[in-house]
């Protein structure tokens, strides 16, 4: 009987130790999996993602969080915009210009008649007044930027056609 009890206890101990090791292994792998998920430009945001934007001014999934509503005191409008991979604005311009501050991810920006430029976290782009342009995420990665439109008393944005797939990918 002693041999059976010792064998039984030994087997039980082995199972308990194996289970404990598997639990520790899955706990050590979890932060790595969490880090991979947080590396996405849509997950690691400074501000909340916001609400989906109008499909008549954007291509793809774009979300806006208006941070500063225009008023007569500051005469500025500002917000955080998140573009999922492949998403972008239509061609447009602002009567007073626009400043873009990329806070996450990789994207593109283009002023009409100029080459498309890659933009990434930390980049600041100053778009001159009344210059037709577009901006958005890269083909593979999402991108978030903060926009600032100064002197809103000069008028609202003027929107044009979609940026074609050819324009976007070239």
C-alpha atoms as a PDB file:
ATOM      1  CA  UNK A   1       0.000   0.000   0.000  1.00  0.00           C
ATOM      2  CA  UNK A   2       2.898   2.401   0.825  1.00  0.00           C
ATOM      3  CA  UNK A   3       4.326   1.981  -2.690  1.00  0.00           C
ATOM      4  CA  UNK A   4       0.937   2.781  -4.233  1.00  0.00           C
ATOM      5  CA  UNK A   5       0.508   5.870  -1.991  1.00  0.00           C
ATOM      6  CA  UNK A   6       4.021   7.119  -2.743  1.00  0.00           C
ATOM      7  CA  UNK A   7       3.528   6.573  -6.473  1.00  0.00           C
ATOM      8  CA  UNK A   8       0.133   8.295  -6.300  1.00  0.00           C
ATOM      9  CA  UNK A   9       1.579  11.282  -4.373  1.00  0.00           C
ATOM     10  CA  UNK A  10       4.515  11.463  -6.780  1.00  0.00           C
ATOM     11  CA  UNK A  11       2.193  11.524  -9.780  1.00  0.00           C
ATOM     12  CA  UNK A  12      -0.002  14.153  -8.119  1.00  0.00           C
ATOM     13  CA  UNK A  13       3.070  16.304  -7.366  1.00  0.00           C
ATOM     14  CA  UNK A  14       4.247  15.977 -10.968  1.00  0.00           C
ATOM     15  CA  UNK A  15       0.855  17.130 -12.293  1.00  0.00           C
ATOM     16  CA  UNK A  16       0.762  20.051  -9.829  1.00  0.00           C
ATOM     17  CA  UNK A  17       4.289  21.172 -10.734  1.00  0.00           C
ATOM     18  CA  UNK A  18       3.558  20.853 -14.483  1.00  0.00           C
ATOM     19  CA  UNK A  19       0.374  22.910 -14.126  1.00  0.00           C
ATOM     20  CA  UNK A  20       2.252  25.549 -12.109  1.00  0.00           C
ATOM     21  CA  UNK A  21       4.989  25.801 -14.761  1.00  0.00           C
ATOM     22  CA  UNK A  22       2.417  26.153 -17.561  1.00  0.00           C
ATOM     23  CA  UNK A  23       0.621  28.881 -15.579  1.00  0.00           C
ATOM     24  CA  UNK A  24       3.893  30.790 -15.073  1.00  0.00           C
ATOM     25  CA  UNK A  25       4.760  30.397 -18.754  1.00  0.00           C
ATOM     26  CA  UNK A  26       1.395  31.787 -19.881  1.00  0.00           C
ATOM     27  CA  UNK A  27       1.759  34.668 -17.392  1.00  0.00           C
ATOM     28  CA  UNK A  28       5.175  35.560 -18.797  1.00  0.00           C
ATOM     29  CA  UNK A  29       3.871  35.389 -22.372  1.00  0.00           C
ATOM     30  CA  UNK A  30       0.850  37.601 -21.643  1.00  0.00           C
ATOM     31  CA  UNK A  31       2.778  40.911 -21.365  1.00  0.00           C
ATOM     32  CA  UNK A  32       4.413  40.191 -24.732  1.00  0.00           C
ATOM     33  CA  UNK A  33       1.009  39.595 -26.333  1.00  0.00           C
ATOM     34  CA  UNK A  34      -0.347  42.747 -24.652  1.00  0.00           C
ATOM     35  CA  UNK A  35       2.645  44.740 -25.939  1.00  0.00           C
ATOM     36  CA  UNK A  36       2.009  43.555 -29.499  1.00  0.00           C
ATOM     37  CA  UNK A  37      -1.605  44.694 -29.244  1.00  0.00           C
ATOM     38  CA  UNK A  38      -0.594  48.076 -27.792  1.00  0.00           C
ATOM     39  CA  UNK A  39       1.966  48.701 -30.558  1.00  0.00           C
ATOM     40  CA  UNK A  40      -0.920  49.393 -32.925  1.00  0.00           C
ATOM     41  CA  UNK A  41      -1.376  53.099 -33.638  1.00  0.00           C
ATOM     42  CA  UNK A  42      -5.073  52.747 -32.935  1.00  0.00           C
ATOM     43  CA  UNK A  43      -4.495  51.305 -29.450  1.00  0.00           C
ATOM     44  CA  UNK A  44      -1.796  53.536 -28.000  1.00  0.00           C
ATOM     45  CA  UNK A  45      -3.526  56.915 -28.272  1.00  0.00           C
ATOM     46  CA  UNK A  46      -3.013  60.117 -26.292  1.00  0.00           C
ATOM     47  CA  UNK A  47      -6.696  61.063 -26.577  1.00  0.00           C
ATOM     48  CA  UNK A  48      -9.730  58.855 -27.088  1.00  0.00           C
ATOM     49  CA  UNK A  49     -10.255  57.723 -30.666  1.00  0.00           C
ATOM     50  CA  UNK A  50     -13.520  59.632 -31.039  1.00  0.00           C
ATOM     51  CA  UNK A  51     -16.405  59.009 -33.396  1.00  0.00           C
ATOM     52  CA  UNK A  52     -16.467  57.839 -37.021  1.00  0.00           C
ATOM     53  CA  UNK A  53     -16.192  60.661 -39.554  1.00  0.00           C
ATOM     54  CA  UNK A  54     -18.379  61.434 -42.542  1.00  0.00           C
ATOM     55  CA  UNK A  55     -17.811  59.093 -45.489  1.00  0.00           C
ATOM     56  CA  UNK A  56     -18.291  62.008 -47.914  1.00  0.00           C
ATOM     57  CA  UNK A  57     -14.976  63.630 -46.821  1.00  0.00           C
ATOM     58  CA  UNK A  58     -12.862  60.557 -46.028  1.00  0.00           C
ATOM     59  CA  UNK A  59     -11.912  57.203 -47.544  1.00  0.00           C
ATOM     60  CA  UNK A  60     -11.746  54.256 -45.131  1.00  0.00           C
ATOM     61  CA  UNK A  61     -12.234  54.205 -41.371  1.00  0.00           C
ATOM     62  CA  UNK A  62     -11.410  57.541 -39.774  1.00  0.00           C
ATOM     63  CA  UNK A  63     -12.274  58.722 -36.257  1.00  0.00           C
ATOM     64  CA  UNK A  64     -12.277  62.264 -34.850  1.00  0.00           C
ATOM     65  CA  UNK A  65     -12.141  63.577 -31.324  1.00  0.00           C
ATOM     66  CA  UNK A  66     -12.779  67.327 -31.387  1.00  0.00           C
ATOM     67  CA  UNK A  67     -10.561  68.820 -28.665  1.00  0.00           C
ATOM     68  CA  UNK A  68     -11.072  72.562 -29.120  1.00  0.00           C
ATOM     69  CA  UNK A  69     -14.299  73.790 -30.667  1.00  0.00           C
ATOM     70  CA  UNK A  70     -14.060  77.010 -32.647  1.00  0.00           C
ATOM     71  CA  UNK A  71     -15.096  80.149 -30.811  1.00  0.00           C
ATOM     72  CA  UNK A  72     -14.636  83.921 -31.003  1.00  0.00           C
ATOM     73  CA  UNK A  73     -12.035  84.041 -28.202  1.00  0.00           C
ATOM     74  CA  UNK A  74      -9.351  81.645 -29.460  1.00  0.00           C
ATOM     75  CA  UNK A  75     -10.488  81.531 -33.104  1.00  0.00           C
ATOM     76  CA  UNK A  76      -8.930  78.076 -33.363  1.00  0.00           C
ATOM     77  CA  UNK A  77     -10.273  74.587 -33.941  1.00  0.00           C
ATOM     78  CA  UNK A  78      -8.332  71.481 -32.943  1.00  0.00           C
ATOM     79  CA  UNK A  79      -8.841  67.750 -32.719  1.00  0.00           C
ATOM     80  CA  UNK A  80      -7.243  64.340 -32.778  1.00  0.00           C
ATOM     81  CA  UNK A  81      -7.886  62.219 -35.880  1.00  0.00           C
ATOM     82  CA  UNK A  82      -7.137  58.494 -36.168  1.00  0.00           C
ATOM     83  CA  UNK A  83      -6.880  56.900 -39.614  1.00  0.00           C
ATOM     84  CA  UNK A  84      -6.912  53.111 -39.872  1.00  0.00           C
ATOM     85  CA  UNK A  85      -4.437  51.641 -42.384  1.00  0.00           C
ATOM     86  CA  UNK A  86      -5.297  52.846 -45.912  1.00  0.00           C
ATOM     87  CA  UNK A  87      -7.710  55.566 -44.713  1.00  0.00           C
ATOM     88  CA  UNK A  88      -7.316  59.204 -45.775  1.00  0.00           C
ATOM     89  CA  UNK A  89      -9.006  62.550 -46.275  1.00  0.00           C
ATOM     90  CA  UNK A  90     -10.366  63.754 -49.582  1.00  0.00           C
ATOM     91  CA  UNK A  91      -8.544  66.623 -51.253  1.00  0.00           C
ATOM     92  CA  UNK A  92      -9.340  69.817 -49.318  1.00  0.00           C
ATOM     93  CA  UNK A  93      -7.985  73.184 -48.206  1.00  0.00           C
ATOM     94  CA  UNK A  94      -8.370  75.566 -45.282  1.00  0.00           C
ATOM     95  CA  UNK A  95      -8.682  79.356 -45.812  1.00  0.00           C
ATOM     96  CA  UNK A  96      -6.319  79.955 -42.870  1.00  0.00           C
ATOM     97  CA  UNK A  97      -4.028  76.937 -43.303  1.00  0.00           C
ATOM     98  CA  UNK A  98      -3.587  73.948 -41.023  1.00  0.00           C
ATOM     99  CA  UNK A  99      -1.003  72.447 -38.678  1.00  0.00           C
ATOM    100  CA  UNK A 100      -0.741  68.664 -38.289  1.00  0.00           C
ATOM    101  CA  UNK A 101       1.170  67.044 -35.417  1.00  0.00           C
ATOM    102  CA  UNK A 102       1.587  63.287 -35.844  1.00  0.00           C
ATOM    103  CA  UNK A 103       1.228  61.560 -32.463  1.00  0.00           C
ATOM    104  CA  UNK A 104       1.327  57.935 -33.560  1.00  0.00           C
ATOM    105  CA  UNK A 105       1.866  55.637 -36.511  1.00  0.00           C
ATOM    106  CA  UNK A 106       2.907  56.268 -40.097  1.00  0.00           C
ATOM    107  CA  UNK A 107       1.040  58.064 -42.844  1.00  0.00           C
ATOM    108  CA  UNK A 108       1.210  60.285 -45.893  1.00  0.00           C
ATOM    109  CA  UNK A 109       0.658  63.926 -46.685  1.00  0.00           C
ATOM    110  CA  UNK A 110       0.571  65.657 -50.039  1.00  0.00           C
ATOM    111  CA  UNK A 111       0.076  69.221 -51.219  1.00  0.00           C
ATOM    112  CA  UNK A 112      -1.302  69.393 -54.751  1.00  0.00           C
ATOM    113  CA  UNK A 113       1.483  69.596 -57.339  1.00  0.00           C
ATOM    114  CA  UNK A 114       4.118  68.308 -54.893  1.00  0.00           C
ATOM    115  CA  UNK A 115       5.308  64.751 -54.214  1.00  0.00           C
ATOM    116  CA  UNK A 116       3.599  62.670 -51.541  1.00  0.00           C
ATOM    117  CA  UNK A 117       5.551  62.643 -48.259  1.00  0.00           C
ATOM    118  CA  UNK A 118       5.705  59.991 -45.553  1.00  0.00           C
ATOM    119  CA  UNK A 119       4.875  61.352 -42.093  1.00  0.00           C
ATOM    120  CA  UNK A 120       5.404  59.638 -38.748  1.00  0.00           C
ATOM    121  CA  UNK A 121       5.148  60.130 -35.005  1.00  0.00           C
ATOM    122  CA  UNK A 122       6.815  63.403 -34.013  1.00  0.00           C
ATOM    123  CA  UNK A 123       6.441  65.130 -37.397  1.00  0.00           C
ATOM    124  CA  UNK A 124       4.821  68.579 -37.613  1.00  0.00           C
ATOM    125  CA  UNK A 125       3.413  69.706 -40.946  1.00  0.00           C
ATOM    126  CA  UNK A 126       2.370  73.289 -41.728  1.00  0.00           C
ATOM    127  CA  UNK A 127      -0.053  73.489 -44.625  1.00  0.00           C
ATOM    128  CA  UNK A 128      -0.295  77.021 -46.103  1.00  0.00           C
ATOM    129  CA  UNK A 129      -3.660  78.761 -46.459  1.00  0.00           C
ATOM    130  CA  UNK A 130      -5.794  77.763 -49.462  1.00  0.00           C
ATOM    131  CA  UNK A 131      -3.416  74.956 -50.516  1.00  0.00           C
ATOM    132  CA  UNK A 132      -5.265  71.881 -51.696  1.00  0.00           C
ATOM    133  CA  UNK A 133      -3.904  68.812 -49.893  1.00  0.00           C
ATOM    134  CA  UNK A 134      -4.707  65.433 -48.319  1.00  0.00           C
ATOM    135  CA  UNK A 135      -3.361  63.321 -45.472  1.00  0.00           C
ATOM    136  CA  UNK A 136      -3.958  59.898 -43.964  1.00  0.00           C
ATOM    137  CA  UNK A 137      -2.523  56.572 -42.840  1.00  0.00           C
ATOM    138  CA  UNK A 138      -0.030  54.507 -44.783  1.00  0.00           C
ATOM    139  CA  UNK A 139      -1.077  51.385 -46.647  1.00  0.00           C
ATOM    140  CA  UNK A 140       0.016  49.047 -43.806  1.00  0.00           C
ATOM    141  CA  UNK A 141      -0.111  51.164 -40.628  1.00  0.00           C
ATOM    142  CA  UNK A 142      -2.621  53.375 -38.865  1.00  0.00           C
ATOM    143  CA  UNK A 143      -1.772  57.018 -38.105  1.00  0.00           C
ATOM    144  CA  UNK A 144      -3.069  59.552 -35.603  1.00  0.00           C
ATOM    145  CA  UNK A 145      -2.474  63.295 -35.743  1.00  0.00           C
ATOM    146  CA  UNK A 146      -3.673  66.388 -33.981  1.00  0.00           C
ATOM    147  CA  UNK A 147      -4.888  69.119 -36.312  1.00  0.00           C
ATOM    148  CA  UNK A 148      -4.959  72.821 -35.534  1.00  0.00           C
ATOM    149  CA  UNK A 149      -6.878  75.232 -37.733  1.00  0.00           C
ATOM    150  CA  UNK A 150      -6.096  78.839 -36.728  1.00  0.00           C
ATOM    151  CA  UNK A 151      -8.146  81.925 -37.541  1.00  0.00           C
ATOM    152  CA  UNK A 152     -11.383  80.028 -38.139  1.00  0.00           C
ATOM    153  CA  UNK A 153     -13.113  83.358 -38.751  1.00  0.00           C
ATOM    154  CA  UNK A 154     -11.590  83.184 -42.268  1.00  0.00           C
ATOM    155  CA  UNK A 155     -13.993  80.368 -43.148  1.00  0.00           C
ATOM    156  CA  UNK A 156     -14.417  76.615 -43.085  1.00  0.00           C
ATOM    157  CA  UNK A 157     -12.613  73.893 -44.964  1.00  0.00           C
ATOM    158  CA  UNK A 158     -13.406  73.409 -48.647  1.00  0.00           C
ATOM    159  CA  UNK A 159     -13.719  69.741 -49.662  1.00  0.00           C
ATOM    160  CA  UNK A 160     -13.089  68.158 -53.074  1.00  0.00           C
ATOM    161  CA  UNK A 161     -12.849  64.706 -54.684  1.00  0.00           C
ATOM    162  CA  UNK A 162     -11.522  61.525 -53.121  1.00  0.00           C
ATOM    163  CA  UNK A 163      -7.816  60.771 -53.330  1.00  0.00           C
ATOM    164  CA  UNK A 164      -7.730  57.965 -55.893  1.00  0.00           C
ATOM    165  CA  UNK A 165      -6.033  54.612 -55.233  1.00  0.00           C
ATOM    166  CA  UNK A 166      -3.413  55.585 -57.831  1.00  0.00           C
ATOM    167  CA  UNK A 167      -2.679  58.918 -56.080  1.00  0.00           C
ATOM    168  CA  UNK A 168      -2.603  57.178 -52.711  1.00  0.00           C
ATOM    169  CA  UNK A 169      -0.255  54.359 -53.691  1.00  0.00           C
ATOM    170  CA  UNK A 170       2.157  56.362 -55.920  1.00  0.00           C
END
